[in-house]
Amino acid sequence: MTLKVKTIGDYFGYKSAVMIAHGNETLTFSSTNNVDFDYEVTTSDTGEPGTLLVTLWNISKEIRNKIHKNDFLVLKTGPTALYGKLASGNITKISPETNSDGDYSFQIAASQGGDYSKDKKVYSHFNGSKLVKKTVKESNGKTISYTVKQTKKVNITFKKGITAKRIIKRIQRETGIKINPFNLKKDKVYKKGYTLSAKPLNAIKAIVKDCDSKCYVRGDGLAIEDGSKPNPYNEHIYFDRANGLLTEPTLNDDDSGSKTYTGDVAEDPRVNGGSSTYIKSESVTGLKRVQTVTHSKSDGDYKMEVTWHG
């Protein structure tokens, strides 16, 4: 069977833009409009949400004051033929402005994907109770501890014989979490039923682990894999020294015995943690999965540092 790979376009003519939505207003900062900004975006296949950091230079105080925590940020970037969305998420932190030799800058941090940790919809369907330890201090200075039963809200409870897939589908429906692909190695049956006792994202991770499968954040959603497909996204991304590969990948030492390679590559917004890319180089050749990728723009230099599973 012949592996089909292709590279769309050449790696030149880069541009980038940041869009920040606050209420009904959207602020746009674009390299094509000579707005100076840098970025660093890291994603991996470990299950943790990707990180997004944007540094904006010489922006007026009036505009800075329009940017707030929890605003939604979208970053687009890439060469002419591949330009598109690299990352998006809610702003988690805005750093104070600093001055470096007359150049003023401030940083915006965001977490990729949705912030499902504060979604209460999956927590308020049933009442239950739990034992709570309380401690009181008497007038003589002594403390007394005792246990009481306290009524509280608990999470959705599923009946006996519920399957993992049905539980995940219910969480997905309640929270709006996007999942693609959605492939479980086995669909575990919970013979005694199941009660959600964690945040939605953590609950999905735990259930996926029960199914001998892997779950990680990819873009603005989740990927659930059973490990049967080397390229579950049907991607056709090819890198060699004439097509995007900037340095020869180097072998990393790992005490666990697993082999990984790391190299610098021209910026390509198609590449995420978990992506499948075909590499042709002196040190490694073949279809390799991306473990971690850090996209960056600094002083007009666009590139990625990619670590592949060996």
Protein backbone atom coordinates (compact mmCIF):
# COMPACT_ATOMS: atom_id res chain seq x y z
CA MET A 1 0.00 0.00 0.00
CA THR A 2 1.42 3.38 -1.00
CA LEU A 3 1.30 6.12 1.61
CA LYS A 4 -0.15 9.26 0.07
CA VAL A 5 1.32 12.49 1.36
CA LYS A 6 1.24 16.00 0.05
CA THR A 7 2.35 19.50 0.94
CA ILE A 8 -0.05 22.30 0.06
CA GLY A 9 1.73 25.47 -0.99
CA ASP A 10 5.15 26.81 -0.08
CA TYR A 11 6.37 28.17 3.22
CA PHE A 12 6.55 31.86 2.40
CA GLY A 13 4.31 34.93 2.57
CA TYR A 14 3.55 34.56 6.28
CA LYS A 15 0.93 36.64 8.04
CA SER A 16 -0.89 36.44 11.35
CA ALA A 17 -3.85 37.99 13.16
CA VAL A 18 -5.33 38.00 16.66
CA MET A 19 -9.07 38.52 17.17
CA ILE A 20 -10.42 39.21 20.68
CA ALA A 21 -14.18 39.21 21.24
CA HIS A 22 -15.67 41.11 24.19
CA GLY A 23 -19.44 41.33 24.17
CA ASN A 24 -20.55 42.58 20.76
CA GLU A 25 -17.16 44.08 19.93
CA THR A 26 -14.21 42.30 18.30
CA LEU A 27 -10.69 43.74 18.32
CA THR A 28 -8.41 42.66 15.47
CA PHE A 29 -4.62 42.94 15.51
CA SER A 30 -3.05 41.95 12.20
CA SER A 31 0.48 41.77 10.82
CA THR A 32 -0.88 42.97 7.49
CA ASN A 33 -1.90 46.21 9.24
CA ASN A 34 1.60 46.58 10.73
CA VAL A 35 0.50 45.69 14.26
CA ASP A 36 3.50 44.16 16.01
CA PHE A 37 2.84 41.04 18.08
CA ASP A 38 4.52 37.73 18.88
CA TYR A 39 2.98 34.44 19.97
CA GLU A 40 3.81 31.04 21.42
CA VAL A 41 1.35 28.14 21.25
CA THR A 42 2.06 24.68 22.67
CA THR A 43 -0.08 21.57 22.24
CA SER A 44 0.58 17.93 23.08
CA ASP A 45 -1.07 14.52 23.15
CA THR A 46 -0.80 14.29 26.95
CA GLY A 47 -4.42 15.26 27.69
CA GLU A 48 -3.73 18.75 29.03
CA PRO A 49 -5.21 21.82 27.25
CA GLY A 50 -2.79 23.69 25.03
CA THR A 51 -1.30 27.00 26.14
CA LEU A 52 -1.48 30.23 24.16
CA LEU A 53 0.60 33.33 24.86
CA VAL A 54 0.38 36.51 22.77
CA THR A 55 2.67 39.52 23.26
CA LEU A 56 1.31 42.79 21.84
CA TRP A 57 3.64 45.75 21.29
CA ASN A 58 2.92 49.49 21.54
CA ILE A 59 -0.86 49.30 21.93
CA SER A 60 -2.68 52.36 23.23
CA LYS A 61 -4.12 52.37 26.74
CA GLU A 62 -7.60 52.90 25.30
CA ILE A 63 -7.37 49.65 23.33
CA ARG A 64 -5.70 47.73 26.18
CA ASN A 65 -8.60 48.64 28.47
CA LYS A 66 -11.01 46.90 26.08
CA ILE A 67 -9.34 43.52 26.67
CA HIS A 68 -10.58 41.52 29.66
CA LYS A 69 -10.13 38.17 31.32
CA ASN A 70 -12.48 35.48 29.89
CA ASP A 71 -12.71 37.28 26.52
CA PHE A 72 -12.47 34.82 23.63
CA LEU A 73 -9.25 34.96 21.61
CA VAL A 74 -8.61 33.49 18.14
CA LEU A 75 -5.13 33.31 16.60
CA LYS A 76 -4.74 32.84 12.84
CA THR A 77 -1.39 32.39 11.16
CA GLY A 78 0.57 30.68 8.42
CA PRO A 79 2.05 31.06 4.94
CA THR A 80 -0.17 32.24 2.09
CA ALA A 81 -1.48 28.82 1.03
CA LEU A 82 -1.94 27.44 4.56
CA TYR A 83 -3.15 30.51 6.46
CA GLY A 84 -5.83 29.58 9.00
CA LYS A 85 -6.79 29.24 12.64
CA LEU A 86 -3.98 27.94 14.83
CA ALA A 87 -5.57 28.25 18.27
CA SER A 88 -8.45 29.73 20.24
CA GLY A 89 -9.59 29.94 23.83
CA ASN A 90 -10.69 32.12 26.71
CA ILE A 91 -8.22 34.63 28.13
CA THR A 92 -6.94 33.50 31.54
CA LYS A 93 -4.46 36.28 32.34
CA ILE A 94 -3.43 39.75 31.16
CA SER A 95 0.00 40.88 32.33
CA PRO A 96 0.78 44.55 33.12
CA GLU A 97 2.49 46.60 30.43
CA THR A 98 6.31 46.75 30.52
CA ASN A 99 8.80 49.12 28.90
CA SER A 100 11.95 47.92 27.14
CA ASP A 101 14.02 50.77 25.68
CA GLY A 102 10.90 52.69 24.67
CA ASP A 103 8.99 49.67 23.32
CA TYR A 104 5.90 48.95 25.41
CA SER A 105 4.41 45.44 25.54
CA PHE A 106 1.94 43.33 27.48
CA GLN A 107 1.07 39.64 27.36
CA ILE A 108 -2.21 37.79 27.06
CA ALA A 109 -2.47 34.15 28.13
CA ALA A 110 -5.29 31.81 27.11
CA SER A 111 -6.15 28.14 27.53
CA GLN A 112 -7.10 26.32 24.35
CA GLY A 113 -10.45 24.63 24.02
CA GLY A 114 -13.46 25.36 26.20
CA ASP A 115 -13.33 26.01 29.93
CA TYR A 116 -15.67 23.25 31.06
CA SER A 117 -14.50 23.22 34.68
CA LYS A 118 -17.09 25.80 35.75
CA ASP A 119 -20.02 24.23 33.90
CA LYS A 120 -22.54 23.33 36.59
CA LYS A 121 -25.16 21.73 34.34
CA VAL A 122 -23.82 18.23 34.95
CA TYR A 123 -23.69 18.75 38.70
CA SER A 124 -27.23 19.70 39.69
CA HIS A 125 -29.60 16.91 38.69
CA PHE A 126 -29.86 14.90 41.91
CA ASN A 127 -29.69 15.53 45.63
CA GLY A 128 -27.59 13.35 47.89
CA SER A 129 -25.77 13.52 51.17
CA LYS A 130 -22.28 13.12 52.57
CA LEU A 131 -20.60 13.03 55.97
CA VAL A 132 -18.84 16.29 56.85
CA LYS A 133 -16.33 16.75 59.66
CA LYS A 134 -16.79 19.98 61.62
CA THR A 135 -14.56 21.54 64.25
CA VAL A 136 -15.66 24.13 66.83
CA LYS A 137 -13.66 26.01 69.45
CA GLU A 138 -15.11 26.31 72.96
CA SER A 139 -14.74 29.32 75.26
CA ASN A 140 -12.07 27.50 77.29
CA GLY A 141 -9.89 27.21 74.18
CA LYS A 142 -10.47 23.50 73.56
CA THR A 143 -11.60 22.28 70.14
CA ILE A 144 -14.22 19.63 69.54
CA SER A 145 -14.61 17.74 66.25
CA TYR A 146 -17.76 15.90 65.21
CA THR A 147 -19.29 14.45 62.06
CA VAL A 148 -22.69 15.38 60.63
CA LYS A 149 -24.61 14.36 57.54
CA GLN A 150 -24.96 17.26 55.11
CA THR A 151 -27.23 17.39 52.08
CA LYS A 152 -25.53 18.50 48.90
CA LYS A 153 -25.91 18.47 45.15
CA VAL A 154 -24.29 15.51 43.44
CA ASN A 155 -23.69 14.73 39.81
CA ILE A 156 -25.65 12.76 37.26
CA THR A 157 -26.17 9.13 38.32
CA PHE A 158 -26.43 6.44 35.64
CA LYS A 159 -28.25 3.14 36.05
CA LYS A 160 -26.64 -0.30 36.22
CA GLY A 161 -25.26 -1.60 32.94
CA ILE A 162 -24.49 1.85 31.47
CA THR A 163 -21.71 1.88 28.87
CA ALA A 164 -18.76 4.26 28.72
CA LYS A 165 -19.78 5.59 25.31
CA ARG A 166 -23.26 6.53 26.51
CA ILE A 167 -21.85 8.33 29.55
CA ILE A 168 -19.41 10.34 27.42
CA LYS A 169 -22.17 11.17 24.93
CA ARG A 170 -24.32 12.49 27.81
CA ILE A 171 -21.48 14.67 29.13
CA GLN A 172 -20.87 15.91 25.60
CA ARG A 173 -24.53 16.79 25.16
CA GLU A 174 -24.75 18.61 28.50
CA THR A 175 -21.54 20.64 28.13
CA GLY A 176 -21.11 21.11 24.39
CA ILE A 177 -17.62 19.56 24.39
CA LYS A 178 -16.53 18.77 20.83
CA ILE A 179 -15.06 15.28 20.31
CA ASN A 180 -13.36 14.18 17.07
CA PRO A 181 -12.33 11.45 16.52
CA PHE A 182 -14.34 9.38 19.01
CA ASN A 183 -12.91 5.85 18.97
CA LEU A 184 -12.81 3.65 22.08
CA LYS A 185 -10.73 0.47 22.17
CA LYS A 186 -13.45 -1.11 24.30
CA ASP A 187 -16.83 0.18 25.45
CA LYS A 188 -16.69 -0.64 29.15
CA VAL A 189 -19.92 -1.66 30.85
CA TYR A 190 -20.36 -0.30 34.39
CA LYS A 191 -22.31 -3.15 35.99
CA LYS A 192 -23.02 -1.18 39.20
CA GLY A 193 -23.89 2.04 37.39
CA TYR A 194 -21.86 5.23 37.41
CA THR A 195 -22.03 8.57 39.21
CA LEU A 196 -20.09 11.53 37.83
CA SER A 197 -17.91 12.78 40.63
CA ALA A 198 -15.40 14.92 38.75
CA LYS A 199 -15.29 17.93 36.49
CA PRO A 200 -16.57 17.09 32.98
CA LEU A 201 -13.15 17.02 31.31
CA ASN A 202 -11.61 14.96 34.11
CA ALA A 203 -14.57 12.58 34.06
CA ILE A 204 -14.12 11.92 30.33
CA LYS A 205 -10.39 11.30 30.81
CA ALA A 206 -11.07 8.77 33.59
CA ILE A 207 -13.71 6.92 31.57
CA VAL A 208 -11.50 6.83 28.45
CA LYS A 209 -8.70 5.35 30.56
CA ASP A 210 -11.12 2.64 31.73
CA CYS A 211 -11.58 1.81 28.04
CA ASP A 212 -7.81 1.39 27.43
CA SER A 213 -7.91 4.41 25.13
CA LYS A 214 -6.32 7.86 24.95
CA CYS A 215 -7.87 11.31 25.30
CA TYR A 216 -6.28 14.69 24.67
CA VAL A 217 -7.25 18.27 23.87
CA ARG A 218 -6.90 19.11 20.19
CA GLY A 219 -7.74 22.61 18.98
CA ASP A 220 -11.06 23.62 20.52
CA GLY A 221 -12.21 20.09 21.27
CA LEU A 222 -11.13 16.60 22.36
CA ALA A 223 -9.68 13.63 20.54
CA ILE A 224 -10.43 10.11 21.79
CA GLU A 225 -8.33 7.40 20.17
CA ASP A 226 -8.18 3.62 20.41
CA GLY A 227 -4.64 3.44 19.00
CA SER A 228 -5.61 1.39 15.95
CA LYS A 229 -4.98 4.09 13.33
CA PRO A 230 -1.57 5.71 12.71
CA ASN A 231 -3.34 8.65 11.06
CA PRO A 232 -6.87 9.03 12.49
CA TYR A 233 -7.28 12.56 11.07
CA ASN A 234 -6.52 11.61 7.44
CA GLU A 235 -3.87 14.31 7.38
CA HIS A 236 -1.38 14.53 4.52
CA ILE A 237 1.46 16.60 5.94
CA TYR A 238 4.94 16.00 4.56
CA PHE A 239 8.25 17.45 5.78
CA ASP A 240 11.75 17.13 4.36
CA ARG A 241 14.70 19.52 4.08
CA ALA A 242 13.17 21.00 0.90
CA ASN A 243 9.65 21.19 2.35
CA GLY A 244 9.46 22.84 5.76
CA LEU A 245 12.06 20.84 7.75
CA LEU A 246 14.54 23.47 9.01
CA THR A 247 16.86 21.22 11.04
CA GLU A 248 17.71 17.54 11.09
CA PRO A 249 15.61 15.86 13.83
CA THR A 250 17.70 14.75 16.80
CA LEU A 251 17.12 11.65 18.93
CA ASN A 252 16.14 12.39 22.54
CA ASP A 253 17.35 10.33 25.48
CA ASP A 254 14.52 8.88 27.54
CA ASP A 255 14.93 6.74 30.67
CA SER A 256 11.63 5.00 29.91
CA GLY A 257 13.08 3.52 26.74
CA SER A 258 10.63 5.25 24.41
CA LYS A 259 12.21 7.00 21.43
CA THR A 260 11.37 10.57 20.37
CA TYR A 261 12.84 13.01 17.87
CA THR A 262 12.86 16.81 17.99
CA GLY A 263 13.41 19.26 15.15
CA ASP A 264 12.60 22.78 13.93
CA VAL A 265 10.03 23.13 11.17
CA ALA A 266 8.53 26.04 9.25
CA GLU A 267 5.30 27.28 10.86
CA ASP A 268 2.29 25.22 9.73
CA PRO A 269 -1.07 25.79 11.50
CA ARG A 270 -2.25 22.29 10.54
CA VAL A 271 0.09 20.66 13.07
CA ASN A 272 -1.20 19.89 16.60
CA GLY A 273 -0.34 17.47 19.35
CA GLY A 274 -1.43 14.06 18.03
CA SER A 275 -1.03 15.04 14.36
CA SER A 276 0.41 12.54 11.91
CA THR A 277 3.21 13.86 9.70
CA TYR A 278 5.45 12.10 7.21
CA ILE A 279 9.12 12.96 7.73
CA LYS A 280 11.94 12.23 5.33
CA SER A 281 15.39 12.99 6.72
CA GLU A 282 18.77 11.41 7.37
CA SER A 283 17.92 10.50 10.98
CA VAL A 284 14.26 9.49 10.70
CA THR A 285 11.89 8.64 7.84
CA GLY A 286 8.27 7.58 7.93
CA LEU A 287 4.84 8.50 9.28
CA LYS A 288 5.33 9.84 12.82
CA ARG A 289 2.87 11.08 15.42
CA VAL A 290 3.45 14.48 17.03
CA GLN A 291 3.94 14.30 20.79
CA THR A 292 4.41 18.03 21.39
CA VAL A 293 4.59 21.07 19.13
CA THR A 294 5.38 24.68 20.02
CA HIS A 295 4.38 27.24 17.39
CA SER A 296 6.05 30.62 17.65
CA LYS A 297 6.45 34.00 16.02
CA SER A 298 9.26 36.17 17.34
CA ASP A 299 10.83 39.18 15.63
CA GLY A 300 9.13 38.20 12.38
CA ASP A 301 10.46 34.62 12.50
CA TYR A 302 7.73 31.96 12.15
CA LYS A 303 8.58 28.37 13.10
CA MET A 304 7.67 25.26 15.11
CA GLU A 305 9.63 23.04 17.44
CA VAL A 306 8.17 19.56 17.00
CA THR A 307 8.76 16.40 19.03
CA TRP A 308 7.68 13.18 17.31
CA HIS A 309 7.17 9.73 18.78
CA GLY A 310 9.83 7.39 17.38
